[in-house]
Amino acid sequence: MSKLRIKSLRFSIKLFSFFIPITWYFLLFSVGVWIGMYWLQKHEGTPDSAFSALFALLLRFSLFFGILLLSFSFISCFVPLIYFLFSKRKSKINFQISVPNTDNRLQGGQALEINISPILKPFLGFVKLRLNYDKIKFSSKFYLINTTSNSFFNFILRGTYFWDLPEIKEYRVQQAIVYFEDFFQFFSFAISIQTSSDFHSLLSNSEIKMDAVLPRKTEETNTRIEEIKRVEGEHINYKNFENNDDVRRIVWKIYAKNKELVVRIPEVLDPYASHIYFYPSFFSSIEFAGNEIVSVPFLNFYKSACWSIYKNLTQKGFEVRFVSDQQTIQNGLLGEEEQVRYSLSVSKWQKDNELNDFVNTKSASIVVISSLSDVVQVNELLEKYANEISFIFVPLSDCLNKQHVGDWIQWLFVQQEKDVIARYKTNWSLSMLRIKISENEKQLKQLLEKYDKSKLFGKIG
């Protein structure tokens, strides 16, 4: 049997299991009731006595009450099921997924806003969902944080779900499975809805430390470049220090003589310049096929770093021109900043567009490189343009803290890995690729230190 058929069979079995109408709670309840009734009947006392007759009556009453309770639970979720099924056949179901424009990945996952109508919530029960995405993958069963009114006859379900997605990329949802469950969660009736919803996980912004970056190309004459030049002369070239002045401009020689804080007056240069051209490179010179660490946490970390650098520049008042090294869909409904965010979210490591071919050295102000970048190509750019282009290096291994001896002892003898990050750390420590990437990272650091480390390094943190 081919691998494709095996995957298809596994998918079909998994999908079928989602539509089983009874839950483990019902099975456990049924077994518990049967054991309890059997044990009580064996200990009902002396046969044909008044106590025995009363005890048998209580057992029958308990059984009747249990059946009544199960019937109520069944009906409470079966009626909304029939209503939803009827609406589906009439093609009246409206199912929408959207992503709120907020930095929300640190709040427990990617926030999704889901809207379903018309739908009837089970009395005292629950409506839960499961999403089928990227063709063969499923989310866990979840319920929404309801943002609609709690009235009984509300036929709209709208709420938020924080989905702990492993990758920062574009996701495609093929179908949604809607569950109607009673209060005791004994019954779970499911209906699938075919949908075609796309969304991309949003990048969150983090604090970074960067040196000053100057534009190199003029598009509009609205911002002059201010640059400190070595000035010789008297106090006419200086001014008294003010609170909003850069402390790096303080002339300490004058302070040593006169105990006065003065700063150099920056020289305003022509031509005018207003735009910073931003080149983040996703080129990989290292073969990593099949390595989950490079494909998921390293890529997520690099995307977040690039977005943080971009946001840092825009917050300083620069107009940043983002240049991608791979083709992405241009959405006319998105603003410029959101388009950059989308482009970074869907970017991948690539081997087609090399660094030297990608960077336009005439206009580039910032080039971002990673631990996978080619040392030779980085060196060529530095030799020619180290004084004109700012290079920001993102060491990918920083996203996974190094494991200590104590961590290994806990992993082996004390506790299992609690989350996916712990699993990534362990796999990275055991990976044969770690030595190769670490060596490439070391060479890039040494190369950048050779060309004025304070200018070329941007520390992410």
Protein backbone atom coordinates (compact mmCIF):
# COMPACT_ATOMS: atom_id res chain seq x y z
CA MET A 1 0.00 0.00 0.00
CA SER A 2 1.44 3.37 -1.03
CA LYS A 3 2.17 6.13 1.47
CA LEU A 4 -0.47 8.32 -0.16
CA ARG A 5 -3.18 5.69 0.36
CA ILE A 6 -2.06 5.13 3.95
CA LYS A 7 -2.32 8.86 4.66
CA SER A 8 -5.74 8.96 3.00
CA LEU A 9 -6.93 6.00 5.08
CA ARG A 10 -5.67 7.56 8.31
CA PHE A 11 -7.39 10.81 7.43
CA SER A 12 -10.69 9.02 6.74
CA ILE A 13 -10.53 7.06 10.02
CA LYS A 14 -9.71 10.18 12.01
CA LEU A 15 -12.50 12.13 10.33
CA PHE A 16 -14.98 9.31 11.00
CA SER A 17 -14.07 9.27 14.70
CA PHE A 18 -15.12 12.93 15.00
CA PHE A 19 -18.73 12.04 14.12
CA ILE A 20 -19.30 9.39 16.81
CA PRO A 21 -22.36 10.78 18.65
CA ILE A 22 -21.52 9.53 22.15
CA THR A 23 -18.58 10.56 24.30
CA TRP A 24 -16.33 8.85 26.81
CA TYR A 25 -18.32 10.53 29.56
CA PHE A 26 -21.44 8.66 28.44
CA LEU A 27 -19.61 5.35 28.32
CA LEU A 28 -18.13 5.86 31.78
CA PHE A 29 -21.52 6.93 33.12
CA SER A 30 -23.22 3.87 31.60
CA VAL A 31 -20.63 1.46 32.99
CA GLY A 32 -20.82 3.12 36.41
CA VAL A 33 -24.63 2.89 36.46
CA TRP A 34 -24.57 -0.76 35.40
CA ILE A 35 -22.00 -1.69 38.07
CA GLY A 36 -23.90 0.27 40.71
CA MET A 37 -27.25 -1.31 39.84
CA TYR A 38 -25.74 -4.78 39.75
CA TRP A 39 -24.08 -4.33 43.15
CA LEU A 40 -27.20 -2.88 44.76
CA GLN A 41 -29.39 -5.70 43.45
CA LYS A 42 -27.00 -8.21 44.99
CA HIS A 43 -27.31 -6.44 48.36
CA GLU A 44 -30.97 -5.58 48.42
CA GLY A 45 -31.57 -7.54 51.62
CA THR A 46 -34.05 -10.32 52.48
CA PRO A 47 -36.25 -11.28 49.48
CA ASP A 48 -40.02 -10.67 49.66
CA SER A 49 -39.62 -8.35 52.66
CA ALA A 50 -40.98 -4.81 52.96
CA PHE A 51 -37.45 -3.38 52.83
CA SER A 52 -36.69 -5.39 49.69
CA ALA A 53 -39.80 -4.10 47.93
CA LEU A 54 -39.06 -0.49 48.92
CA PHE A 55 -35.44 -0.88 47.83
CA ALA A 56 -36.50 -2.28 44.43
CA LEU A 57 -38.90 0.66 44.01
CA LEU A 58 -36.08 3.13 44.73
CA LEU A 59 -33.86 1.40 42.20
CA ARG A 60 -36.57 1.59 39.53
CA PHE A 61 -37.15 5.24 40.35
CA SER A 62 -33.42 5.96 40.09
CA LEU A 63 -33.29 4.13 36.76
CA PHE A 64 -36.32 6.08 35.51
CA PHE A 65 -34.76 9.37 36.63
CA GLY A 66 -31.48 8.48 34.90
CA ILE A 67 -33.31 7.63 31.63
CA LEU A 68 -35.27 10.89 31.92
CA LEU A 69 -32.04 12.82 32.42
CA LEU A 70 -30.40 11.16 29.42
CA SER A 71 -33.49 11.81 27.31
CA PHE A 72 -33.42 15.49 28.23
CA SER A 73 -29.71 15.68 27.38
CA PHE A 74 -30.33 13.93 24.06
CA ILE A 75 -33.24 16.15 23.05
CA SER A 76 -31.48 19.37 24.15
CA CYS A 77 -28.73 18.90 21.56
CA PHE A 78 -30.68 16.90 18.95
CA VAL A 79 -33.18 19.72 18.28
CA PRO A 80 -30.42 22.30 17.49
CA LEU A 81 -28.80 19.63 15.30
CA ILE A 82 -31.96 19.21 13.21
CA TYR A 83 -32.39 22.99 12.92
CA PHE A 84 -28.77 23.43 11.78
CA LEU A 85 -29.03 20.52 9.34
CA PHE A 86 -32.20 22.02 7.86
CA SER A 87 -30.49 25.42 7.46
CA LYS A 88 -27.50 23.76 5.81
CA ARG A 89 -29.69 22.02 3.24
CA LYS A 90 -31.33 25.36 2.49
CA SER A 91 -27.80 26.86 2.03
CA LYS A 92 -28.45 29.45 4.71
CA ILE A 93 -25.37 28.79 6.84
CA ASN A 94 -22.95 31.69 7.05
CA PHE A 95 -19.49 30.74 8.36
CA GLN A 96 -16.71 33.35 8.53
CA ILE A 97 -13.18 33.39 9.95
CA SER A 98 -11.20 36.60 10.40
CA VAL A 99 -8.03 37.67 12.17
CA PRO A 100 -8.18 40.77 14.37
CA ASN A 101 -5.40 43.25 13.64
CA THR A 102 -3.67 43.04 17.02
CA ASP A 103 -0.40 41.69 18.40
CA ASN A 104 -1.98 38.68 20.03
CA ARG A 105 0.38 35.74 19.73
CA LEU A 106 1.69 36.34 23.27
CA GLN A 107 -1.80 35.95 24.72
CA GLY A 108 -1.90 32.19 24.26
CA GLY A 109 -2.01 31.79 20.48
CA GLN A 110 -3.28 33.32 17.26
CA ALA A 111 -6.64 35.01 17.83
CA LEU A 112 -9.40 34.08 15.40
CA GLU A 113 -12.82 35.68 15.24
CA ILE A 114 -15.46 33.16 14.06
CA ASN A 115 -19.03 33.97 13.08
CA ILE A 116 -21.72 31.28 12.47
CA SER A 117 -25.38 31.90 11.67
CA PRO A 118 -28.09 30.78 11.88
CA ILE A 119 -27.44 28.41 14.76
CA LEU A 120 -29.34 27.36 17.87
CA LYS A 121 -27.36 26.67 21.03
CA PRO A 122 -28.39 23.55 23.04
CA PHE A 123 -30.28 24.38 26.25
CA LEU A 124 -27.61 24.59 28.99
CA GLY A 125 -25.27 22.93 26.50
CA PHE A 126 -22.34 23.84 24.27
CA VAL A 127 -21.47 24.51 20.66
CA LYS A 128 -17.90 23.46 19.87
CA LEU A 129 -15.82 23.55 16.72
CA ARG A 130 -12.98 21.72 15.04
CA LEU A 131 -11.16 23.08 11.97
CA ASN A 132 -9.70 21.03 9.12
CA TYR A 133 -6.77 23.00 7.67
CA ASP A 134 -3.98 22.45 5.15
CA LYS A 135 -5.98 19.50 3.75
CA ILE A 136 -5.03 16.79 6.27
CA LYS A 137 -4.59 18.58 9.60
CA PHE A 138 -7.15 19.16 12.34
CA SER A 139 -7.33 21.51 15.26
CA SER A 140 -8.38 20.28 18.66
CA LYS A 141 -12.05 20.60 19.62
CA PHE A 142 -12.69 24.05 21.08
CA TYR A 143 -15.45 26.41 22.11
CA LEU A 144 -15.53 30.13 21.44
CA ILE A 145 -15.21 32.95 23.92
CA ASN A 146 -18.69 34.25 23.18
CA THR A 147 -19.03 37.92 22.27
CA THR A 148 -22.76 37.82 21.43
CA SER A 149 -25.74 38.16 23.76
CA ASN A 150 -26.63 35.20 25.98
CA SER A 151 -30.34 35.22 25.15
CA PHE A 152 -31.84 31.80 24.46
CA PHE A 153 -33.23 32.68 21.03
CA ASN A 154 -29.99 34.13 19.70
CA PHE A 155 -29.36 32.57 16.27
CA ILE A 156 -25.85 34.01 15.84
CA LEU A 157 -22.71 32.56 17.36
CA ARG A 158 -19.80 34.97 17.36
CA GLY A 159 -16.67 34.62 19.43
CA THR A 160 -12.90 34.45 19.68
CA TYR A 161 -10.61 31.45 19.76
CA PHE A 162 -6.90 31.63 20.65
CA TRP A 163 -5.36 28.97 18.46
CA ASP A 164 -1.87 27.83 19.41
CA LEU A 165 -0.56 27.49 15.86
CA PRO A 166 2.98 26.13 15.53
CA GLU A 167 4.05 28.12 12.46
CA ILE A 168 3.85 31.71 11.31
CA LYS A 169 2.44 31.29 7.82
CA GLU A 170 -0.75 31.35 5.78
CA TYR A 171 -3.33 28.74 6.74
CA ARG A 172 -6.17 27.41 4.58
CA VAL A 173 -9.27 26.03 6.27
CA GLN A 174 -11.16 23.49 4.13
CA GLN A 175 -13.97 22.59 6.49
CA ALA A 176 -15.32 23.23 9.96
CA ILE A 177 -16.97 20.56 12.13
CA VAL A 178 -19.68 21.96 14.41
CA TYR A 179 -20.52 19.96 17.56
CA PHE A 180 -23.76 20.21 19.53
CA GLU A 181 -23.20 18.93 23.06
CA ASP A 182 -25.47 18.68 26.09
CA PHE A 183 -24.69 20.04 29.54
CA PHE A 184 -23.24 16.72 30.77
CA GLN A 185 -21.32 16.25 27.48
CA PHE A 186 -22.77 12.75 27.09
CA PHE A 187 -23.79 13.35 23.47
CA SER A 188 -21.84 15.15 20.75
CA PHE A 189 -23.60 15.48 17.38
CA ALA A 190 -21.37 16.78 14.59
CA ILE A 191 -22.05 18.41 11.23
CA SER A 192 -19.33 19.44 8.79
CA ILE A 193 -19.39 22.71 6.85
CA GLN A 194 -17.35 23.10 3.69
CA THR A 195 -15.58 26.42 3.65
CA SER A 196 -12.71 28.16 1.95
CA SER A 197 -11.17 30.50 4.47
CA ASP A 198 -7.60 31.76 4.36
CA PHE A 199 -5.80 33.62 7.10
CA HIS A 200 -2.20 34.31 8.02
CA SER A 201 -0.85 34.31 11.53
CA LEU A 202 0.17 37.79 12.63
CA LEU A 203 3.69 38.71 13.65
CA SER A 204 4.18 40.27 17.06
CA ASN A 205 6.50 43.22 17.62
CA SER A 206 9.33 42.96 20.17
CA GLU A 207 11.89 45.44 21.45
CA ILE A 208 15.24 45.58 19.64
CA LYS A 209 18.39 47.68 19.90
CA MET A 210 19.59 49.28 16.68
CA ASP A 211 22.09 51.90 15.67
CA ALA A 212 21.03 54.93 13.64
CA VAL A 213 20.29 54.14 9.99
CA LEU A 214 20.41 56.72 7.21
CA PRO A 215 18.47 56.67 3.93
CA ARG A 216 20.52 56.33 0.76
CA LYS A 217 18.00 57.07 -1.96
CA THR A 218 15.77 60.06 -2.64
CA GLU A 219 12.16 59.66 -3.76
CA GLU A 220 10.57 62.72 -2.18
CA THR A 221 12.28 65.83 -0.85
CA ASN A 222 10.76 65.89 2.61
CA THR A 223 13.51 64.69 4.96
CA ARG A 224 17.09 65.87 5.19
CA ILE A 225 19.90 63.61 6.33
CA GLU A 226 21.59 64.68 9.53
CA GLU A 227 25.08 63.35 9.95
CA ILE A 228 27.81 64.28 12.42
CA LYS A 229 31.01 65.44 10.76
CA ARG A 230 34.38 66.00 12.39
CA VAL A 231 34.35 69.74 13.05
CA GLU A 232 37.37 71.79 14.04
CA GLY A 233 37.06 75.30 15.41
CA GLU A 234 35.66 77.38 18.23
CA HIS A 235 32.33 77.30 20.04
CA ILE A 236 30.58 78.64 16.93
CA ASN A 237 30.41 74.99 15.77
CA TYR A 238 28.88 73.84 19.05
CA LYS A 239 25.86 74.57 21.20
CA ASN A 240 24.94 74.01 24.83
CA PHE A 241 23.62 70.55 25.70
CA GLU A 242 19.82 70.24 25.96
CA ASN A 243 17.63 67.44 27.26
CA ASN A 244 16.62 66.27 23.79
CA ASP A 245 20.20 66.16 22.44
CA ASP A 246 22.04 62.94 21.68
CA VAL A 247 24.63 62.29 24.42
CA ARG A 248 26.96 60.87 21.77
CA ARG A 249 27.43 64.41 20.43
CA ILE A 250 28.88 65.72 23.71
CA VAL A 251 32.40 67.11 23.30
CA TRP A 252 34.17 65.66 26.32
CA LYS A 253 37.40 67.58 25.67
CA ILE A 254 35.59 70.88 26.23
CA TYR A 255 33.89 69.43 29.32
CA ALA A 256 37.29 68.40 30.72
CA LYS A 257 38.58 71.97 30.31
CA ASN A 258 35.58 74.16 31.13
CA LYS A 259 33.13 71.76 32.88
CA GLU A 260 30.52 72.76 30.32
CA LEU A 261 28.37 70.29 28.43
CA VAL A 262 28.29 71.23 24.75
CA VAL A 263 27.41 69.20 21.68
CA ARG A 264 28.51 69.37 18.06
CA ILE A 265 26.00 70.86 15.66
CA PRO A 266 25.13 68.16 13.11
CA GLU A 267 25.86 69.06 9.52
CA VAL A 268 22.83 68.93 7.24
CA LEU A 269 23.75 67.32 3.97
CA ASP A 270 22.26 67.18 0.51
CA PRO A 271 20.77 65.45 -1.31
CA TYR A 272 17.41 65.11 0.39
CA ALA A 273 16.41 61.60 1.39
CA SER A 274 13.24 60.17 2.78
CA HIS A 275 13.10 56.41 2.26
CA ILE A 276 14.95 53.48 3.78
CA TYR A 277 15.18 50.39 1.60
CA PHE A 278 14.88 47.29 3.74
CA TYR A 279 16.21 43.94 2.44
CA PRO A 280 15.54 40.88 4.66
CA SER A 281 17.17 37.81 3.12
CA PHE A 282 15.61 34.36 3.52
CA PHE A 283 18.33 32.68 1.47
CA SER A 284 19.78 29.52 2.99
CA SER A 285 23.22 28.27 2.02
CA ILE A 286 22.78 25.21 4.27
CA GLU A 287 20.74 22.17 3.30
CA PHE A 288 18.19 21.45 6.05
CA ALA A 289 15.49 19.39 4.30
CA GLY A 290 13.30 17.59 6.83
CA ASN A 291 14.67 19.46 9.85
CA GLU A 292 11.70 20.74 11.86
CA ILE A 293 13.80 23.08 14.01
CA VAL A 294 14.94 25.16 11.05
CA SER A 295 11.54 25.03 9.35
CA VAL A 296 9.44 26.08 12.34
CA PRO A 297 11.03 27.81 15.39
CA PHE A 298 14.02 29.27 13.52
CA LEU A 299 11.81 30.59 10.71
CA ASN A 300 9.27 31.98 13.18
CA PHE A 301 12.04 33.73 15.10
CA TYR A 302 13.56 35.25 11.97
CA LYS A 303 10.19 36.53 10.70
CA SER A 304 9.46 38.13 14.08
CA ALA A 305 12.91 39.74 14.14
CA CYS A 306 12.46 41.20 10.64
CA TRP A 307 9.04 42.57 11.56
CA SER A 308 10.43 44.11 14.75
CA ILE A 309 13.20 45.83 12.79
CA TYR A 310 10.68 47.16 10.28
CA LYS A 311 8.40 48.48 13.03
CA ASN A 312 11.37 50.05 14.83
CA LEU A 313 12.25 52.01 11.70
CA THR A 314 8.69 53.18 11.00
CA GLN A 315 8.27 54.32 14.61
CA LYS A 316 11.32 56.55 14.17
CA GLY A 317 9.52 58.39 11.38
CA PHE A 318 11.19 56.83 8.35
CA GLU A 319 9.26 55.69 5.32
CA VAL A 320 10.50 52.13 4.83
CA ARG A 321 10.47 50.41 1.45
CA PHE A 322 10.27 46.67 2.04
CA VAL A 323 11.87 44.47 -0.62
CA SER A 324 11.06 40.74 -0.57
CA ASP A 325 13.31 38.02 -2.00
CA GLN A 326 10.32 35.85 -2.98
CA GLN A 327 7.01 36.37 -4.70
CA THR A 328 3.96 36.94 -2.51
CA ILE A 329 0.38 37.84 -3.32
CA GLN A 330 -0.27 41.57 -3.32
CA ASN A 331 -3.58 42.28 -1.61
CA GLY A 332 -4.98 45.64 -2.65
CA LEU A 333 -7.25 45.71 0.42
CA LEU A 334 -4.27 45.80 2.79
CA GLY A 335 -2.37 48.94 3.71
CA GLU A 336 1.37 49.18 3.11
CA GLU A 337 2.30 48.09 6.63
CA GLU A 338 -0.16 45.19 6.66
CA GLN A 339 1.12 44.07 3.26
CA VAL A 340 4.66 43.93 4.67
CA ARG A 341 3.37 41.96 7.65
CA TYR A 342 1.61 39.53 5.35
CA SER A 343 4.67 39.14 3.08
CA LEU A 344 6.89 38.32 6.06
CA SER A 345 4.31 35.91 7.50
CA VAL A 346 4.16 33.80 4.34
CA SER A 347 7.87 33.94 3.49
CA LYS A 348 9.95 30.76 3.58
CA TRP A 349 13.60 29.80 3.50
CA GLN A 350 14.63 29.73 -0.15
CA LYS A 351 17.64 28.75 -2.26
CA ASP A 352 16.84 30.54 -5.55
CA ASN A 353 17.45 34.22 -4.83
CA GLU A 354 20.98 34.54 -3.47
CA LEU A 355 22.08 37.47 -1.33
CA ASN A 356 24.31 39.11 -3.95
CA ASP A 357 21.57 38.93 -6.57
CA PHE A 358 18.86 40.09 -4.18
CA VAL A 359 20.40 43.22 -2.68
CA ASN A 360 20.40 46.37 -4.79
CA THR A 361 23.58 47.96 -3.47
CA LYS A 362 22.72 51.37 -4.93
CA SER A 363 19.65 51.89 -2.75
CA ALA A 364 19.82 49.38 0.14
CA SER A 365 20.01 50.93 3.60
CA ILE A 366 19.49 47.78 5.69
CA VAL A 367 20.22 44.15 4.90
CA VAL A 368 19.08 41.51 7.37
CA ILE A 369 20.91 38.18 7.36
CA SER A 370 20.47 34.99 9.34
CA SER A 371 22.60 32.10 10.56
CA LEU A 372 21.86 30.34 7.25
CA SER A 373 23.35 33.11 5.08
CA ASP A 374 26.39 32.42 2.90
CA VAL A 375 29.55 33.68 4.60
CA VAL A 376 31.33 34.28 1.28
CA GLN A 377 28.55 36.45 -0.11
CA VAL A 378 28.22 38.43 3.12
CA ASN A 379 31.96 39.06 3.06
CA GLU A 380 31.79 40.34 -0.52
CA LEU A 381 29.10 42.84 0.39
CA LEU A 382 30.92 43.97 3.51
CA GLU A 383 34.19 44.56 1.67
CA LYS A 384 32.48 46.95 -0.75
CA TYR A 385 29.60 48.48 1.20
CA ALA A 386 30.34 48.17 4.92
CA ASN A 387 30.35 51.97 5.29
CA GLU A 388 27.14 52.51 3.30
CA ILE A 389 24.82 49.64 4.21
CA SER A 390 23.80 48.60 7.72
CA PHE A 391 23.84 44.84 8.18
CA ILE A 392 21.72 43.32 10.95
CA PHE A 393 22.54 39.75 11.85
CA VAL A 394 19.87 37.54 13.48
CA PRO A 395 21.48 34.52 15.21
CA LEU A 396 18.78 31.86 14.95
CA SER A 397 20.09 29.75 17.82
CA ASP A 398 19.10 32.57 20.21
CA CYS A 399 15.46 31.48 19.97
CA LEU A 400 16.29 28.24 21.81
CA ASN A 401 18.13 28.64 25.09
CA LYS A 402 20.99 26.25 25.63
CA GLN A 403 20.22 23.26 27.81
CA HIS A 404 22.22 22.72 30.97
CA VAL A 405 23.09 19.52 32.78
CA GLY A 406 20.13 19.99 35.11
CA ASP A 407 17.75 20.17 32.14
CA TRP A 408 19.04 16.86 30.80
CA ILE A 409 18.66 15.17 34.21
CA GLN A 410 15.06 16.37 34.48
CA TRP A 411 14.32 15.22 30.93
CA LEU A 412 15.78 11.76 31.54
CA PHE A 413 14.61 10.99 35.09
CA VAL A 414 12.19 13.51 36.50
CA GLN A 415 9.64 14.89 34.08
CA GLN A 416 8.44 14.70 30.51
CA GLU A 417 8.65 17.66 28.17
CA LYS A 418 5.82 20.01 29.01
CA ASP A 419 5.45 21.88 25.74
CA VAL A 420 6.59 22.05 22.15
CA ILE A 421 9.44 24.47 22.97
CA ALA A 422 10.97 21.91 25.31
CA ARG A 423 10.75 19.32 22.54
CA TYR A 424 12.43 21.72 20.10
CA LYS A 425 15.25 22.36 22.58
CA THR A 426 15.88 18.65 23.01
CA ASN A 427 15.78 17.92 19.28
CA TRP A 428 18.13 20.85 18.60
CA SER A 429 20.62 19.57 21.17
CA LEU A 430 20.63 16.17 19.46
CA SER A 431 20.56 17.42 15.86
CA MET A 432 23.56 16.77 13.61
CA LEU A 433 22.76 20.04 11.82
CA ARG A 434 23.41 22.04 14.99
CA ILE A 435 27.20 21.85 14.59
CA LYS A 436 27.07 23.07 10.99
CA ILE A 437 24.72 25.98 11.70
CA SER A 438 26.61 26.97 14.85
CA GLU A 439 29.89 27.06 12.93
CA ASN A 440 28.33 29.18 10.17
CA GLU A 441 26.89 31.48 12.82
CA LYS A 442 30.30 31.82 14.46
CA GLN A 443 31.96 32.74 11.16
CA LEU A 444 29.33 35.37 10.42
CA LYS A 445 29.81 36.94 13.85
CA GLN A 446 33.58 37.05 13.41
CA LEU A 447 33.17 38.56 9.96
CA LEU A 448 30.84 41.29 11.22
CA GLU A 449 33.10 42.06 14.17
CA LYS A 450 35.85 42.74 11.66
CA TYR A 451 33.76 45.62 10.26
CA ASP A 452 32.80 47.74 13.26
CA LYS A 453 30.55 45.53 15.40
CA SER A 454 28.66 48.45 16.95
CA LYS A 455 27.26 49.47 13.56
CA LEU A 456 26.68 46.10 11.97
CA PHE A 457 25.02 44.25 14.81
CA GLY A 458 21.39 44.67 15.75
CA LYS A 459 20.68 42.84 18.99
CA ILE A 460 17.26 41.25 19.16
CA GLY A 461 15.81 41.13 22.64
